[in-house]
PDB file of N, CA and C in Angstrom:
ATOM      1  N   MET A   1      48.186 -43.809 117.039  1.00  0.00           N
ATOM      2  CA  MET A   1      48.654 -42.530 117.746  1.00  0.00           C
ATOM      3  C   MET A   1      48.650 -41.443 117.119  1.00  0.00           C
ATOM      4  N   ARG A   2      48.107 -41.274 115.580  1.00  0.00           N
ATOM      5  CA  ARG A   2      48.055 -40.016 114.632  1.00  0.00           C
ATOM      6  C   ARG A   2      46.610 -39.414 115.462  1.00  0.00           C
ATOM      7  N   ALA A   3      45.704 -40.143 115.722  1.00  0.00           N
ATOM      8  CA  ALA A   3      44.486 -39.707 115.959  1.00  0.00           C
ATOM      9  C   ALA A   3      44.474 -39.030 117.127  1.00  0.00           C
ATOM     10  N   ILE A   4      45.480 -39.290 118.200  1.00  0.00           N
ATOM     11  CA  ILE A   4      45.635 -38.790 119.764  1.00  0.00           C
ATOM     12  C   ILE A   4      46.442 -37.563 119.412  1.00  0.00           C
ATOM     13  N   ARG A   5      47.466 -37.372 118.541  1.00  0.00           N
ATOM     14  CA  ARG A   5      48.280 -36.248 118.272  1.00  0.00           C
ATOM     15  C   ARG A   5      47.398 -35.220 117.293  1.00  0.00           C
ATOM     16  N   LYS A   6      46.368 -35.802 116.384  1.00  0.00           N
ATOM     17  CA  LYS A   6      45.834 -34.558 115.614  1.00  0.00           C
ATOM     18  C   LYS A   6      44.411 -34.245 116.000  1.00  0.00           C
ATOM     19  N   SER A   7      43.935 -34.937 117.335  1.00  0.00           N
ATOM     20  CA  SER A   7      42.685 -34.799 117.831  1.00  0.00           C
ATOM     21  C   SER A   7      42.540 -33.207 118.445  1.00  0.00           C
ATOM     22  N   ARG A   8      41.422 -32.834 118.666  1.00  0.00           N
ATOM     23  CA  ARG A   8      41.175 -31.386 118.981  1.00  0.00           C
ATOM     24  C   ARG A   8      39.912 -31.586 119.789  1.00  0.00           C
ATOM     25  N   LEU A   9      39.861 -30.735 120.738  1.00  0.00           N
ATOM     26  CA  LEU A   9      38.734 -30.548 121.921  1.00  0.00           C
ATOM     27  C   LEU A   9      37.783 -29.548 121.328  1.00  0.00           C
ATOM     28  N   VAL A  10      36.714 -29.869 121.116  1.00  0.00           N
ATOM     29  CA  VAL A  10      35.495 -29.116 120.802  1.00  0.00           C
ATOM     30  C   VAL A  10      34.075 -29.266 121.406  1.00  0.00           C
ATOM     31  N   GLU A  11      33.551 -28.234 121.579  1.00  0.00           N
ATOM     32  CA  GLU A  11      32.120 -28.055 122.585  1.00  0.00           C
ATOM     33  C   GLU A  11      31.019 -28.667 121.667  1.00  0.00           C
ATOM     34  N   VAL A  12      30.508 -29.460 122.388  1.00  0.00           N
ATOM     35  CA  VAL A  12      29.005 -29.950 121.725  1.00  0.00           C
ATOM     36  C   VAL A  12      27.559 -29.310 121.989  1.00  0.00           C
ATOM     37  N   ALA A  13      26.937 -29.563 121.028  1.00  0.00           N
ATOM     38  CA  ALA A  13      25.599 -29.185 121.230  1.00  0.00           C
ATOM     39  C   ALA A  13      24.555 -29.962 120.678  1.00  0.00           C
ATOM     40  N   GLU A  14      23.079 -29.998 121.431  1.00  0.00           N
ATOM     41  CA  GLU A  14      22.547 -31.120 120.745  1.00  0.00           C
ATOM     42  C   GLU A  14      21.495 -30.137 119.538  1.00  0.00           C
ATOM     43  N   GLY A  15      21.394 -31.155 118.809  1.00  0.00           N
ATOM     44  CA  GLY A  15      20.522 -30.885 117.621  1.00  0.00           C
ATOM     45  C   GLY A  15      20.575 -31.978 116.397  1.00  0.00           C
ATOM     46  N   GLN A  16      20.022 -31.130 115.143  1.00  0.00           N
ATOM     47  CA  GLN A  16      20.319 -32.165 114.069  1.00  0.00           C
ATOM     48  C   GLN A  16      21.688 -31.555 113.079  1.00  0.00           C
ATOM     49  N   PRO A  17      22.649 -32.683 112.918  1.00  0.00           N
ATOM     50  CA  PRO A  17      23.486 -32.199 112.247  1.00  0.00           C
ATOM     51  C   PRO A  17      23.440 -31.887 110.978  1.00  0.00           C
ATOM     52  N   ALA A  18      24.254 -31.095 110.369  1.00  0.00           N
ATOM     53  CA  ALA A  18      24.118 -30.473 109.246  1.00  0.00           C
ATOM     54  C   ALA A  18      24.383 -31.847 108.106  1.00  0.00           C
ATOM     55  N   GLN A  19      23.820 -31.586 106.978  1.00  0.00           N
ATOM     56  CA  GLN A  19      23.810 -32.633 106.126  1.00  0.00           C
ATOM     57  C   GLN A  19      24.583 -32.346 104.846  1.00  0.00           C
ATOM     58  N   GLY A  20      25.508 -33.257 104.441  1.00  0.00           N
ATOM     59  CA  GLY A  20      26.649 -33.035 103.631  1.00  0.00           C
ATOM     60  C   GLY A  20      27.721 -34.204 103.334  1.00  0.00           C
ATOM     61  N   ASP A  21      28.324 -33.880 102.290  1.00  0.00           N
ATOM     62  CA  ASP A  21      29.618 -34.682 102.033  1.00  0.00           C
ATOM     63  C   ASP A  21      30.467 -34.644 102.750  1.00  0.00           C
ATOM     64  N   PHE A  22      30.397 -34.882 104.187  1.00  0.00           N
ATOM     65  CA  PHE A  22      31.393 -34.627 105.385  1.00  0.00           C
ATOM     66  C   PHE A  22      32.391 -36.071 105.532  1.00  0.00           C
ATOM     67  N   PRO A  23      33.614 -35.979 105.629  1.00  0.00           N
ATOM     68  CA  PRO A  23      34.102 -36.943 106.223  1.00  0.00           C
ATOM     69  C   PRO A  23      33.940 -37.596 107.599  1.00  0.00           C
ATOM     70  N   ALA A  24      34.511 -38.932 107.370  1.00  0.00           N
ATOM     71  CA  ALA A  24      33.742 -39.534 108.744  1.00  0.00           C
ATOM     72  C   ALA A  24      34.833 -39.123 109.684  1.00  0.00           C
ATOM     73  N   CYS A  25      34.644 -39.237 110.948  1.00  0.00           N
ATOM     74  CA  CYS A  25      35.408 -38.612 111.951  1.00  0.00           C
ATOM     75  C   CYS A  25      35.213 -39.213 113.399  1.00  0.00           C
ATOM     76  N   LEU A  26      35.982 -39.343 114.292  1.00  0.00           N
ATOM     77  CA  LEU A  26      35.911 -40.214 115.427  1.00  0.00           C
ATOM     78  C   LEU A  26      35.585 -38.923 116.578  1.00  0.00           C
ATOM     79  N   VAL A  27      34.715 -39.189 117.219  1.00  0.00           N
ATOM     80  CA  VAL A  27      34.150 -38.280 118.598  1.00  0.00           C
ATOM     81  C   VAL A  27      34.015 -39.258 119.660  1.00  0.00           C
ATOM     82  N   ALA A  28      35.102 -38.712 120.865  1.00  0.00           N
ATOM     83  CA  ALA A  28      35.251 -39.526 121.741  1.00  0.00           C
ATOM     84  C   ALA A  28      34.957 -38.567 123.193  1.00  0.00           C
ATOM     85  N   ASN A  29      34.440 -38.875 124.218  1.00  0.00           N
ATOM     86  CA  ASN A  29      34.447 -38.232 125.470  1.00  0.00           C
ATOM     87  C   ASN A  29      35.687 -38.218 125.831  1.00  0.00           C
ATOM     88  N   GLU A  30      35.878 -37.368 127.185  1.00  0.00           N
ATOM     89  CA  GLU A  30      37.086 -37.401 127.872  1.00  0.00           C
ATOM     90  C   GLU A  30      36.839 -37.749 129.172  1.00  0.00           C
ATOM     91  N   ASN A  31      36.119 -39.052 129.376  1.00  0.00           N
ATOM     92  CA  ASN A  31      35.878 -39.838 130.623  1.00  0.00           C
ATOM     93  C   ASN A  31      36.699 -40.714 130.543  1.00  0.00           C
ATOM     94  N   TYR A  32      37.893 -40.981 131.405  1.00  0.00           N
ATOM     95  CA  TYR A  32      38.760 -42.207 131.226  1.00  0.00           C
ATOM     96  C   TYR A  32      38.078 -43.390 131.816  1.00  0.00           C
ATOM     97  N   HIS A  33      37.257 -43.393 132.718  1.00  0.00           N
ATOM     98  CA  HIS A  33      37.080 -44.645 133.232  1.00  0.00           C
ATOM     99  C   HIS A  33      35.468 -44.889 132.615  1.00  0.00           C
ATOM    100  N   HIS A  34      35.126 -44.043 131.906  1.00  0.00           N
ATOM    101  CA  HIS A  34      33.666 -44.742 130.974  1.00  0.00           C
ATOM    102  C   HIS A  34      34.062 -44.029 129.586  1.00  0.00           C
ATOM    103  N   PHE A  35      35.185 -44.299 128.878  1.00  0.00           N
ATOM    104  CA  PHE A  35      35.576 -43.956 127.539  1.00  0.00           C
ATOM    105  C   PHE A  35      34.465 -44.419 126.752  1.00  0.00           C
ATOM    106  N   ARG A  36      33.864 -43.441 125.884  1.00  0.00           N
ATOM    107  CA  ARG A  36      32.925 -43.599 124.528  1.00  0.00           C
ATOM    108  C   ARG A  36      33.691 -43.304 123.509  1.00  0.00           C
ATOM    109  N   VAL A  37      33.139 -43.766 122.339  1.00  0.00           N
ATOM    110  CA  VAL A  37      33.438 -42.902 120.981  1.00  0.00           C
ATOM    111  C   VAL A  37      32.524 -43.420 119.901  1.00  0.00           C
ATOM    112  N   VAL A  38      32.041 -42.345 119.105  1.00  0.00           N
ATOM    113  CA  VAL A  38      31.142 -42.721 118.237  1.00  0.00           C
ATOM    114  C   VAL A  38      31.774 -42.132 116.767  1.00  0.00           C
ATOM    115  N   LEU A  39      31.167 -42.434 115.592  1.00  0.00           N
ATOM    116  CA  LEU A  39      31.685 -42.321 114.306  1.00  0.00           C
ATOM    117  C   LEU A  39      30.601 -41.318 113.697  1.00  0.00           C
ATOM    118  N   ALA A  40      31.053 -40.236 113.151  1.00  0.00           N
ATOM    119  CA  ALA A  40      30.163 -38.897 112.981  1.00  0.00           C
ATOM    120  C   ALA A  40      30.694 -38.651 111.684  1.00  0.00           C
ATOM    121  N   ARG A  41      29.607 -38.408 110.436  1.00  0.00           N
ATOM    122  CA  ARG A  41      30.162 -37.561 109.515  1.00  0.00           C
ATOM    123  C   ARG A  41      29.949 -36.097 109.762  1.00  0.00           C
ATOM    124  N   THR A  42      31.132 -35.212 109.698  1.00  0.00           N
ATOM    125  CA  THR A  42      31.120 -33.683 110.154  1.00  0.00           C
ATOM    126  C   THR A  42      32.248 -32.966 109.811  1.00  0.00           C
ATOM    127  N   ASP A  43      32.138 -31.854 109.925  1.00  0.00           N
ATOM    128  CA  ASP A  43      33.408 -30.834 109.419  1.00  0.00           C
ATOM    129  C   ASP A  43      34.663 -31.018 110.607  1.00  0.00           C
ATOM    130  N   PRO A  44      35.734 -31.607 110.191  1.00  0.00           N
ATOM    131  CA  PRO A  44      36.651 -31.851 111.380  1.00  0.00           C
ATOM    132  C   PRO A  44      37.216 -30.724 111.779  1.00  0.00           C
ATOM    133  N   ALA A  45      37.044 -29.512 110.966  1.00  0.00           N
ATOM    134  CA  ALA A  45      37.616 -28.134 111.300  1.00  0.00           C
ATOM    135  C   ALA A  45      36.542 -27.698 112.149  1.00  0.00           C
ATOM    136  N   THR A  46      35.244 -28.054 112.525  1.00  0.00           N
ATOM    137  CA  THR A  46      34.153 -27.105 113.417  1.00  0.00           C
ATOM    138  C   THR A  46      34.821 -26.917 114.708  1.00  0.00           C
ATOM    139  N   GLU A  47      34.126 -25.860 115.165  1.00  0.00           N
ATOM    140  CA  GLU A  47      34.601 -25.352 116.573  1.00  0.00           C
ATOM    141  C   GLU A  47      33.381 -25.839 117.600  1.00  0.00           C
ATOM    142  N   ARG A  48      32.125 -26.082 117.327  1.00  0.00           N
ATOM    143  CA  ARG A  48      31.149 -26.653 117.954  1.00  0.00           C
ATOM    144  C   ARG A  48      30.396 -27.677 116.979  1.00  0.00           C
ATOM    145  N   LEU A  49      30.557 -28.793 117.705  1.00  0.00           N
ATOM    146  CA  LEU A  49      29.915 -30.046 117.417  1.00  0.00           C
ATOM    147  C   LEU A  49      28.625 -30.257 117.321  1.00  0.00           C
ATOM    148  N   ILE A  50      27.653 -30.264 116.356  1.00  0.00           N
ATOM    149  CA  ILE A  50      26.332 -30.565 116.624  1.00  0.00           C
ATOM    150  C   ILE A  50      25.978 -32.129 116.502  1.00  0.00           C
ATOM    151  N   LEU A  51      25.645 -32.568 117.532  1.00  0.00           N
ATOM    152  CA  LEU A  51      25.350 -34.024 117.626  1.00  0.00           C
ATOM    153  C   LEU A  51      23.996 -34.523 118.216  1.00  0.00           C
ATOM    154  N   THR A  52      23.510 -35.455 117.621  1.00  0.00           N
ATOM    155  CA  THR A  52      21.753 -35.768 117.973  1.00  0.00           C
ATOM    156  C   THR A  52      21.668 -36.278 119.518  1.00  0.00           C
ATOM    157  N   ALA A  53      20.768 -36.190 119.685  1.00  0.00           N
ATOM    158  CA  ALA A  53      20.480 -36.602 121.326  1.00  0.00           C
ATOM    159  C   ALA A  53      20.920 -38.103 121.492  1.00  0.00           C
ATOM    160  N   ALA A  54      20.572 -38.993 120.525  1.00  0.00           N
ATOM    161  CA  ALA A  54      21.054 -40.315 120.603  1.00  0.00           C
ATOM    162  C   ALA A  54      22.602 -40.582 120.651  1.00  0.00           C
ATOM    163  N   GLN A  55      23.520 -39.700 119.663  1.00  0.00           N
ATOM    164  CA  GLN A  55      25.138 -39.728 119.674  1.00  0.00           C
ATOM    165  C   GLN A  55      25.435 -38.979 121.204  1.00  0.00           C
ATOM    166  N   LEU A  56      24.822 -38.100 121.551  1.00  0.00           N
ATOM    167  CA  LEU A  56      25.126 -37.422 123.052  1.00  0.00           C
ATOM    168  C   LEU A  56      25.203 -38.869 124.181  1.00  0.00           C
ATOM    169  N   ASP A  57      23.970 -39.368 123.969  1.00  0.00           N
ATOM    170  CA  ASP A  57      23.808 -40.366 124.897  1.00  0.00           C
ATOM    171  C   ASP A  57      24.587 -41.534 124.790  1.00  0.00           C
ATOM    172  N   ALA A  58      24.893 -41.901 123.699  1.00  0.00           N
ATOM    173  CA  ALA A  58      26.045 -42.848 123.350  1.00  0.00           C
ATOM    174  C   ALA A  58      27.736 -42.678 124.062  1.00  0.00           C
ATOM    175  N   LEU A  59      27.794 -41.200 123.865  1.00  0.00           N
ATOM    176  CA  LEU A  59      28.868 -40.701 124.378  1.00  0.00           C
ATOM    177  C   LEU A  59      29.209 -40.305 125.970  1.00  0.00           C
ATOM    178  N   LYS A  60      27.726 -40.385 126.551  1.00  0.00           N
ATOM    179  CA  LYS A  60      27.452 -40.010 127.732  1.00  0.00           C
ATOM    180  C   LYS A  60      28.140 -38.788 127.990  1.00  0.00           C
ATOM    181  N   CYS A  61      27.510 -37.924 126.912  1.00  0.00           N
ATOM    182  CA  CYS A  61      27.796 -36.307 127.525  1.00  0.00           C
ATOM    183  C   CYS A  61      26.255 -35.689 127.058  1.00  0.00           C
ATOM    184  N   HIS A  62      26.903 -33.983 127.551  1.00  0.00           N
ATOM    185  CA  HIS A  62      25.554 -33.267 127.523  1.00  0.00           C
ATOM    186  C   HIS A  62      26.123 -32.188 126.562  1.00  0.00           C
ATOM    187  N   ALA A  63      24.939 -31.377 125.989  1.00  0.00           N
ATOM    188  CA  ALA A  63      24.930 -29.992 125.618  1.00  0.00           C
ATOM    189  C   ALA A  63      26.032 -29.253 126.525  1.00  0.00           C
ATOM    190  N   GLY A  64      27.186 -28.702 125.598  1.00  0.00           N
ATOM    191  CA  GLY A  64      28.455 -27.724 126.561  1.00  0.00           C
ATOM    192  C   GLY A  64      29.605 -28.468 126.960  1.00  0.00           C
ATOM    193  N   ASP A  65      29.256 -29.940 127.055  1.00  0.00           N
ATOM    194  CA  ASP A  65      30.508 -30.726 127.387  1.00  0.00           C
ATOM    195  C   ASP A  65      31.614 -30.468 126.230  1.00  0.00           C
ATOM    196  N   ARG A  66      32.848 -30.945 126.236  1.00  0.00           N
ATOM    197  CA  ARG A  66      33.790 -30.743 125.088  1.00  0.00           C
ATOM    198  C   ARG A  66      34.367 -32.363 125.156  1.00  0.00           C
ATOM    199  N   VAL A  67      34.330 -32.576 123.548  1.00  0.00           N
ATOM    200  CA  VAL A  67      34.683 -33.999 123.077  1.00  0.00           C
ATOM    201  C   VAL A  67      36.109 -33.804 122.456  1.00  0.00           C
ATOM    202  N   ARG A  68      36.527 -34.968 122.147  1.00  0.00           N
ATOM    203  CA  ARG A  68      37.641 -35.015 121.026  1.00  0.00           C
ATOM    204  C   ARG A  68      37.288 -35.378 119.935  1.00  0.00           C
ATOM    205  N   LEU A  69      37.764 -34.668 118.759  1.00  0.00           N
ATOM    206  CA  LEU A  69      37.316 -34.627 117.232  1.00  0.00           C
ATOM    207  C   LEU A  69      38.489 -35.242 116.406  1.00  0.00           C
ATOM    208  N   VAL A  70      38.351 -36.033 115.543  1.00  0.00           N
ATOM    209  CA  VAL A  70      39.469 -36.163 114.641  1.00  0.00           C
ATOM    210  C   VAL A  70      38.934 -36.787 113.417  1.00  0.00           C
ATOM    211  N   ARG A  71      39.456 -36.175 112.467  1.00  0.00           N
ATOM    212  CA  ARG A  71      39.071 -36.959 110.990  1.00  0.00           C
ATOM    213  C   ARG A  71      39.608 -38.600 110.864  1.00  0.00           C
ATOM    214  N   LEU A  72      38.958 -39.289 110.333  1.00  0.00           N
ATOM    215  CA  LEU A  72      39.330 -40.828 110.386  1.00  0.00           C
ATOM    216  C   LEU A  72      39.902 -40.881 108.894  1.00  0.00           C
ATOM    217  N   CYS A  73      41.219 -41.233 108.697  1.00  0.00           N
ATOM    218  CA  CYS A  73      41.784 -40.938 107.396  1.00  0.00           C
ATOM    219  C   CYS A  73      42.049 -42.458 107.029  1.00  0.00           C
ATOM    220  N   ALA A  74      41.997 -42.647 105.723  1.00  0.00           N
ATOM    221  CA  ALA A  74      42.332 -43.929 105.125  1.00  0.00           C
ATOM    222  C   ALA A  74      43.716 -44.365 105.361  1.00  0.00           C
ATOM    223  N   GLU A  75      43.852 -45.702 105.539  1.00  0.00           N
ATOM    224  CA  GLU A  75      45.356 -46.351 105.846  1.00  0.00           C
ATOM    225  C   GLU A  75      46.121 -45.860 104.706  1.00  0.00           C
ATOM    226  N   GLU A  76      47.429 -45.243 105.068  1.00  0.00           N
ATOM    227  CA  GLU A  76      48.415 -45.032 103.918  1.00  0.00           C
ATOM    228  C   GLU A  76      49.152 -46.129 103.748  1.00  0.00           C
ATOM    229  N   LYS A  77      49.635 -46.307 102.509  1.00  0.00           N
ATOM    230  CA  LYS A  77      50.333 -47.650 101.937  1.00  0.00           C
ATOM    231  C   LYS A  77      51.303 -47.087 101.370  1.00  0.00           C
ATOM    232  N   THR A  78      52.661 -47.973 101.763  1.00  0.00           N
ATOM    233  CA  THR A  78      54.013 -47.527 101.044  1.00  0.00           C
ATOM    234  C   THR A  78      54.515 -48.604 100.654  1.00  0.00           C
ATOM    235  N   ALA A  79      54.926 -48.685  99.668  1.00  0.00           N
ATOM    236  CA  ALA A  79      55.622 -49.852  98.692  1.00  0.00           C
ATOM    237  C   ALA A  79      57.238 -50.217  98.864  1.00  0.00           C
TER     238      ALA A  79
END
């Protein structure tokens, strides 16, 4: 539920993603009948997500499409 509530729509572009110590994020297409999701290390606050051709193909997306992006958080534990 958190992932749905916290996710944002961002535009994708094809290229080489920036290298760095970015958190793991879920990236999902918006196609209800052909839903796809990939795990990517990226800045969760970005407005324009750079994905490789292989990632775009896995998502069945093209440059200029919009995808859902959300940071993957570690499970919270309560005592």
